Amino acid sequence: MSRLNKLSPQQISQCLTASSGRTYDIPSNGEAQGYRKAAVLLPLLRNEQAWHLLFIRRALNAQDPHSGQVAFAGGKQEPKDADLQSTALREAQEEIGLDPANVRILGELDFHHSVSGFQITPVVAHIPWPFELVLDQREVASVFTVPLHWLADESNHRIEQRHLPGQQPFPVVFFEAYKGEMLWGATARMTLSLIQLLHGAVR
């Protein structure tokens, strides 16, 4: 069994409390100005004695630049949200029917920036499983889980440096297909940041 699977929710929470550094963030020139705040929920669950992460695949929508992509449930902060954890919980409830009462927040990763202009706070949580989810078909095509030990296997992902005119090079993370699902981009960067953080607790 992978050592990651032996971590308890409390140990994961402790790792997040001690977290510092946006490991796989893109360059932001150290400025928050111009970025819109958003949050996503990274739901960890136990399945067959192993930790899994729950992902969504966005519904096809010609108006959505992220249409059809693998992602975490989440979105931009609204004025009614008390904080960014509230944003992540609200969006998860709206998109996949995850009742906040059944979510145990473990902590946050340091924020990540997106090329679309968002400063995203990844909120890590523990959810019960199995759990009956209700998908908003307008936004979510499907939900699936991936074992944490598979995501942590270095043979299953690669990092490429992307160069855009007038910008510093930044990392683009690509995972191999898992049961036909492709994980890459900001969601992959946040996933790998979580993996690297947890690795520090089991070394």
Protein backbone atom coordinates (compact mmCIF):
# COMPACT_ATOMS: atom_id res chain seq x y z
CA MET A 1 0.00 0.00 0.00
CA SER A 2 1.23 3.50 -0.84
CA ARG A 3 2.41 5.45 2.19
CA LEU A 4 0.05 8.23 1.15
CA ASN A 5 -2.88 5.93 1.86
CA LYS A 6 -1.77 5.60 5.48
CA LEU A 7 -2.21 9.31 6.14
CA SER A 8 -5.09 10.20 8.45
CA PRO A 9 -7.34 13.21 7.84
CA GLN A 10 -5.70 14.87 10.84
CA GLN A 11 -2.21 14.38 9.35
CA ILE A 12 -3.36 15.81 6.03
CA SER A 13 -4.83 18.80 7.86
CA GLN A 14 -1.53 19.32 9.69
CA CYS A 15 0.35 19.27 6.37
CA LEU A 16 -1.95 21.95 4.99
CA THR A 17 -1.54 24.11 8.08
CA ALA A 18 2.23 24.05 7.61
CA SER A 19 1.98 24.67 3.85
CA SER A 20 3.88 27.50 2.20
CA GLY A 21 4.84 28.20 -1.38
CA ARG A 22 2.81 27.81 -4.57
CA THR A 23 4.86 24.92 -5.90
CA TYR A 24 3.43 24.75 -9.42
CA ASP A 25 1.95 28.21 -9.75
CA ILE A 26 2.39 30.32 -12.87
CA PRO A 27 4.28 33.64 -12.63
CA SER A 28 2.10 36.47 -11.35
CA ASN A 29 4.81 39.11 -10.85
CA GLY A 30 3.92 38.99 -7.16
CA GLU A 31 0.83 41.12 -7.68
CA ALA A 32 -2.76 40.22 -6.86
CA GLN A 33 -4.16 43.25 -8.66
CA GLY A 34 -6.18 42.38 -11.74
CA TYR A 35 -6.88 38.82 -10.65
CA ARG A 36 -10.41 37.84 -9.73
CA LYS A 37 -10.74 35.65 -6.63
CA ALA A 38 -12.06 32.11 -6.98
CA ALA A 39 -12.01 28.85 -5.06
CA VAL A 40 -12.27 25.16 -5.87
CA LEU A 41 -12.93 22.14 -3.67
CA LEU A 42 -10.42 19.28 -3.67
CA PRO A 43 -12.53 16.45 -2.16
CA LEU A 44 -10.54 13.55 -0.70
CA LEU A 45 -12.40 10.31 -0.02
CA ARG A 46 -11.59 6.78 1.09
CA ASN A 47 -12.36 4.02 -1.41
CA GLU A 48 -11.12 0.44 -0.99
CA GLN A 49 -8.69 1.54 1.75
CA ALA A 50 -7.10 4.16 -0.48
CA TRP A 51 -7.34 7.92 -0.77
CA HIS A 52 -8.97 9.20 -3.96
CA LEU A 53 -9.52 12.70 -5.32
CA LEU A 54 -12.89 13.55 -6.83
CA PHE A 55 -12.93 15.42 -10.15
CA ILE A 56 -15.63 16.67 -12.49
CA ARG A 57 -15.67 16.86 -16.26
CA ARG A 58 -17.32 20.04 -17.41
CA ALA A 59 -20.32 19.88 -19.72
CA LEU A 60 -19.89 20.89 -23.35
CA ASN A 61 -20.75 24.56 -23.72
CA ALA A 62 -19.70 26.77 -26.60
CA GLN A 63 -19.67 29.80 -24.27
CA ASP A 64 -17.27 28.18 -21.78
CA PRO A 65 -13.52 28.27 -22.62
CA HIS A 66 -13.06 25.30 -20.24
CA SER A 67 -15.84 23.28 -21.84
CA GLY A 68 -15.34 19.52 -21.61
CA GLN A 69 -12.24 19.79 -19.40
CA VAL A 70 -11.48 17.90 -16.21
CA ALA A 71 -11.66 20.20 -13.19
CA PHE A 72 -12.55 20.56 -9.54
CA ALA A 73 -15.96 21.90 -8.58
CA GLY A 74 -15.61 25.61 -7.93
CA GLY A 75 -15.89 29.11 -9.32
CA LYS A 76 -15.51 32.81 -8.66
CA GLN A 77 -16.22 34.37 -5.29
CA GLU A 78 -19.63 36.01 -4.98
CA PRO A 79 -20.50 38.96 -2.68
CA LYS A 80 -22.73 36.65 -0.61
CA ASP A 81 -19.83 34.30 0.23
CA ALA A 82 -18.40 34.84 3.71
CA ASP A 83 -14.96 33.68 2.56
CA LEU A 84 -13.30 31.55 -0.10
CA GLN A 85 -14.06 28.31 1.72
CA SER A 86 -17.72 29.31 1.51
CA THR A 87 -17.24 29.88 -2.22
CA ALA A 88 -15.83 26.38 -2.70
CA LEU A 89 -18.61 24.77 -0.65
CA ARG A 90 -21.35 26.71 -2.41
CA GLU A 91 -20.06 25.85 -5.84
CA ALA A 92 -19.67 22.17 -4.96
CA GLN A 93 -23.25 22.08 -3.71
CA GLU A 94 -24.54 23.82 -6.83
CA GLU A 95 -22.52 21.75 -9.29
CA ILE A 96 -22.57 18.23 -7.80
CA GLY A 97 -25.06 18.38 -4.92
CA LEU A 98 -22.45 18.02 -2.18
CA ASP A 99 -24.09 19.13 1.07
CA PRO A 100 -21.67 21.34 3.06
CA ALA A 101 -22.85 19.58 6.22
CA ASN A 102 -21.15 16.42 4.96
CA VAL A 103 -17.85 18.12 4.13
CA ARG A 104 -14.95 18.28 6.57
CA ILE A 105 -12.57 21.08 5.60
CA LEU A 106 -8.95 20.00 6.13
CA GLY A 107 -7.27 23.21 5.02
CA GLU A 108 -6.13 25.13 1.98
CA LEU A 109 -3.30 25.08 -0.48
CA ASP A 110 -1.68 28.41 -1.23
CA PHE A 111 -3.51 30.10 -4.08
CA HIS A 112 -2.75 29.41 -7.73
CA HIS A 113 -3.13 31.80 -10.64
CA SER A 114 -4.84 30.89 -13.90
CA VAL A 115 -4.08 32.16 -17.38
CA SER A 116 -7.72 33.29 -17.50
CA GLY A 117 -7.06 35.86 -14.75
CA PHE A 118 -8.21 34.14 -11.56
CA GLN A 119 -6.44 33.79 -8.24
CA ILE A 120 -7.71 30.39 -7.14
CA THR A 121 -7.73 29.10 -3.57
CA PRO A 122 -7.77 25.27 -3.49
CA VAL A 123 -9.80 24.11 -0.46
CA VAL A 124 -8.97 20.54 0.57
CA ALA A 125 -11.73 18.54 2.23
CA HIS A 126 -12.67 15.04 3.36
CA ILE A 127 -16.05 13.73 2.19
CA PRO A 128 -17.88 10.47 2.96
CA TRP A 129 -18.03 7.76 0.32
CA PRO A 130 -20.06 6.38 -1.32
CA PHE A 131 -22.13 9.54 -1.58
CA GLU A 132 -25.17 10.27 -3.73
CA LEU A 133 -24.28 13.21 -5.95
CA VAL A 134 -26.72 15.31 -7.97
CA LEU A 135 -25.09 16.88 -11.02
CA ASP A 136 -26.05 20.20 -12.53
CA GLN A 137 -26.18 18.91 -16.11
CA ARG A 138 -25.71 22.43 -17.47
CA GLU A 139 -22.25 22.60 -15.92
CA VAL A 140 -21.11 19.06 -15.16
CA ALA A 141 -21.07 16.10 -17.54
CA SER A 142 -19.66 13.52 -15.12
CA VAL A 143 -17.87 12.92 -11.83
CA PHE A 144 -15.09 10.43 -11.22
CA THR A 145 -12.34 9.66 -8.72
CA VAL A 146 -8.64 8.95 -9.18
CA PRO A 147 -6.48 7.15 -6.59
CA LEU A 148 -3.98 9.44 -4.91
CA HIS A 149 -1.19 6.87 -5.30
CA TRP A 150 -1.79 6.81 -9.08
CA LEU A 151 -1.59 10.59 -9.24
CA ALA A 152 1.62 10.48 -7.19
CA ASP A 153 3.32 7.99 -9.53
CA GLU A 154 5.89 10.05 -11.46
CA SER A 155 5.44 7.84 -14.53
CA ASN A 156 1.86 9.09 -14.79
CA HIS A 157 2.60 12.78 -15.27
CA ARG A 158 5.04 15.16 -16.89
CA ILE A 159 5.80 18.86 -16.63
CA GLU A 160 6.47 21.05 -19.65
CA GLN A 161 7.55 24.67 -19.65
CA ARG A 162 5.24 26.91 -21.64
CA HIS A 163 6.56 30.10 -23.23
CA LEU A 164 4.22 32.96 -24.09
CA PRO A 165 5.36 36.28 -25.58
CA GLY A 166 6.21 38.81 -22.88
CA GLN A 167 5.81 36.33 -20.00
CA GLN A 168 8.10 34.22 -17.90
CA PRO A 169 8.06 30.48 -18.71
CA PHE A 170 5.62 28.59 -16.50
CA PRO A 171 4.95 24.90 -15.80
CA VAL A 172 2.15 23.04 -17.55
CA VAL A 173 1.35 19.69 -15.93
CA PHE A 174 -0.06 16.82 -17.99
CA PHE A 175 -1.25 13.53 -16.51
CA GLU A 176 -1.62 10.36 -18.52
CA ALA A 177 -5.20 9.39 -19.30
CA TYR A 178 -6.96 7.68 -16.40
CA LYS A 179 -9.87 5.57 -17.64
CA GLY A 180 -10.14 7.91 -20.59
CA GLU A 181 -10.07 11.15 -18.54
CA MET A 182 -7.34 13.72 -19.24
CA LEU A 183 -6.09 15.90 -16.41
CA TRP A 184 -3.93 18.90 -17.26
CA GLY A 185 -3.53 22.65 -16.75
CA ALA A 186 -4.44 24.52 -13.54
CA THR A 187 -6.32 21.54 -12.09
CA ALA A 188 -3.29 19.31 -12.68
CA ARG A 189 -0.98 21.92 -11.11
CA MET A 190 -3.12 22.09 -7.97
CA THR A 191 -3.26 18.29 -7.82
CA LEU A 192 0.50 17.98 -8.08
CA SER A 193 0.98 20.71 -5.46
CA LEU A 194 -1.18 18.69 -3.06
CA ILE A 195 0.73 15.49 -3.85
CA GLN A 196 4.11 17.14 -3.23
CA LEU A 197 2.87 18.60 0.05
CA LEU A 198 1.64 15.23 1.29
CA HIS A 199 4.83 13.51 0.18
CA GLY A 200 6.65 15.64 2.71
CA ALA A 201 4.63 14.02 5.49
CA VAL A 202 5.49 10.42 4.54
CA ARG A 203 9.19 10.74 3.72
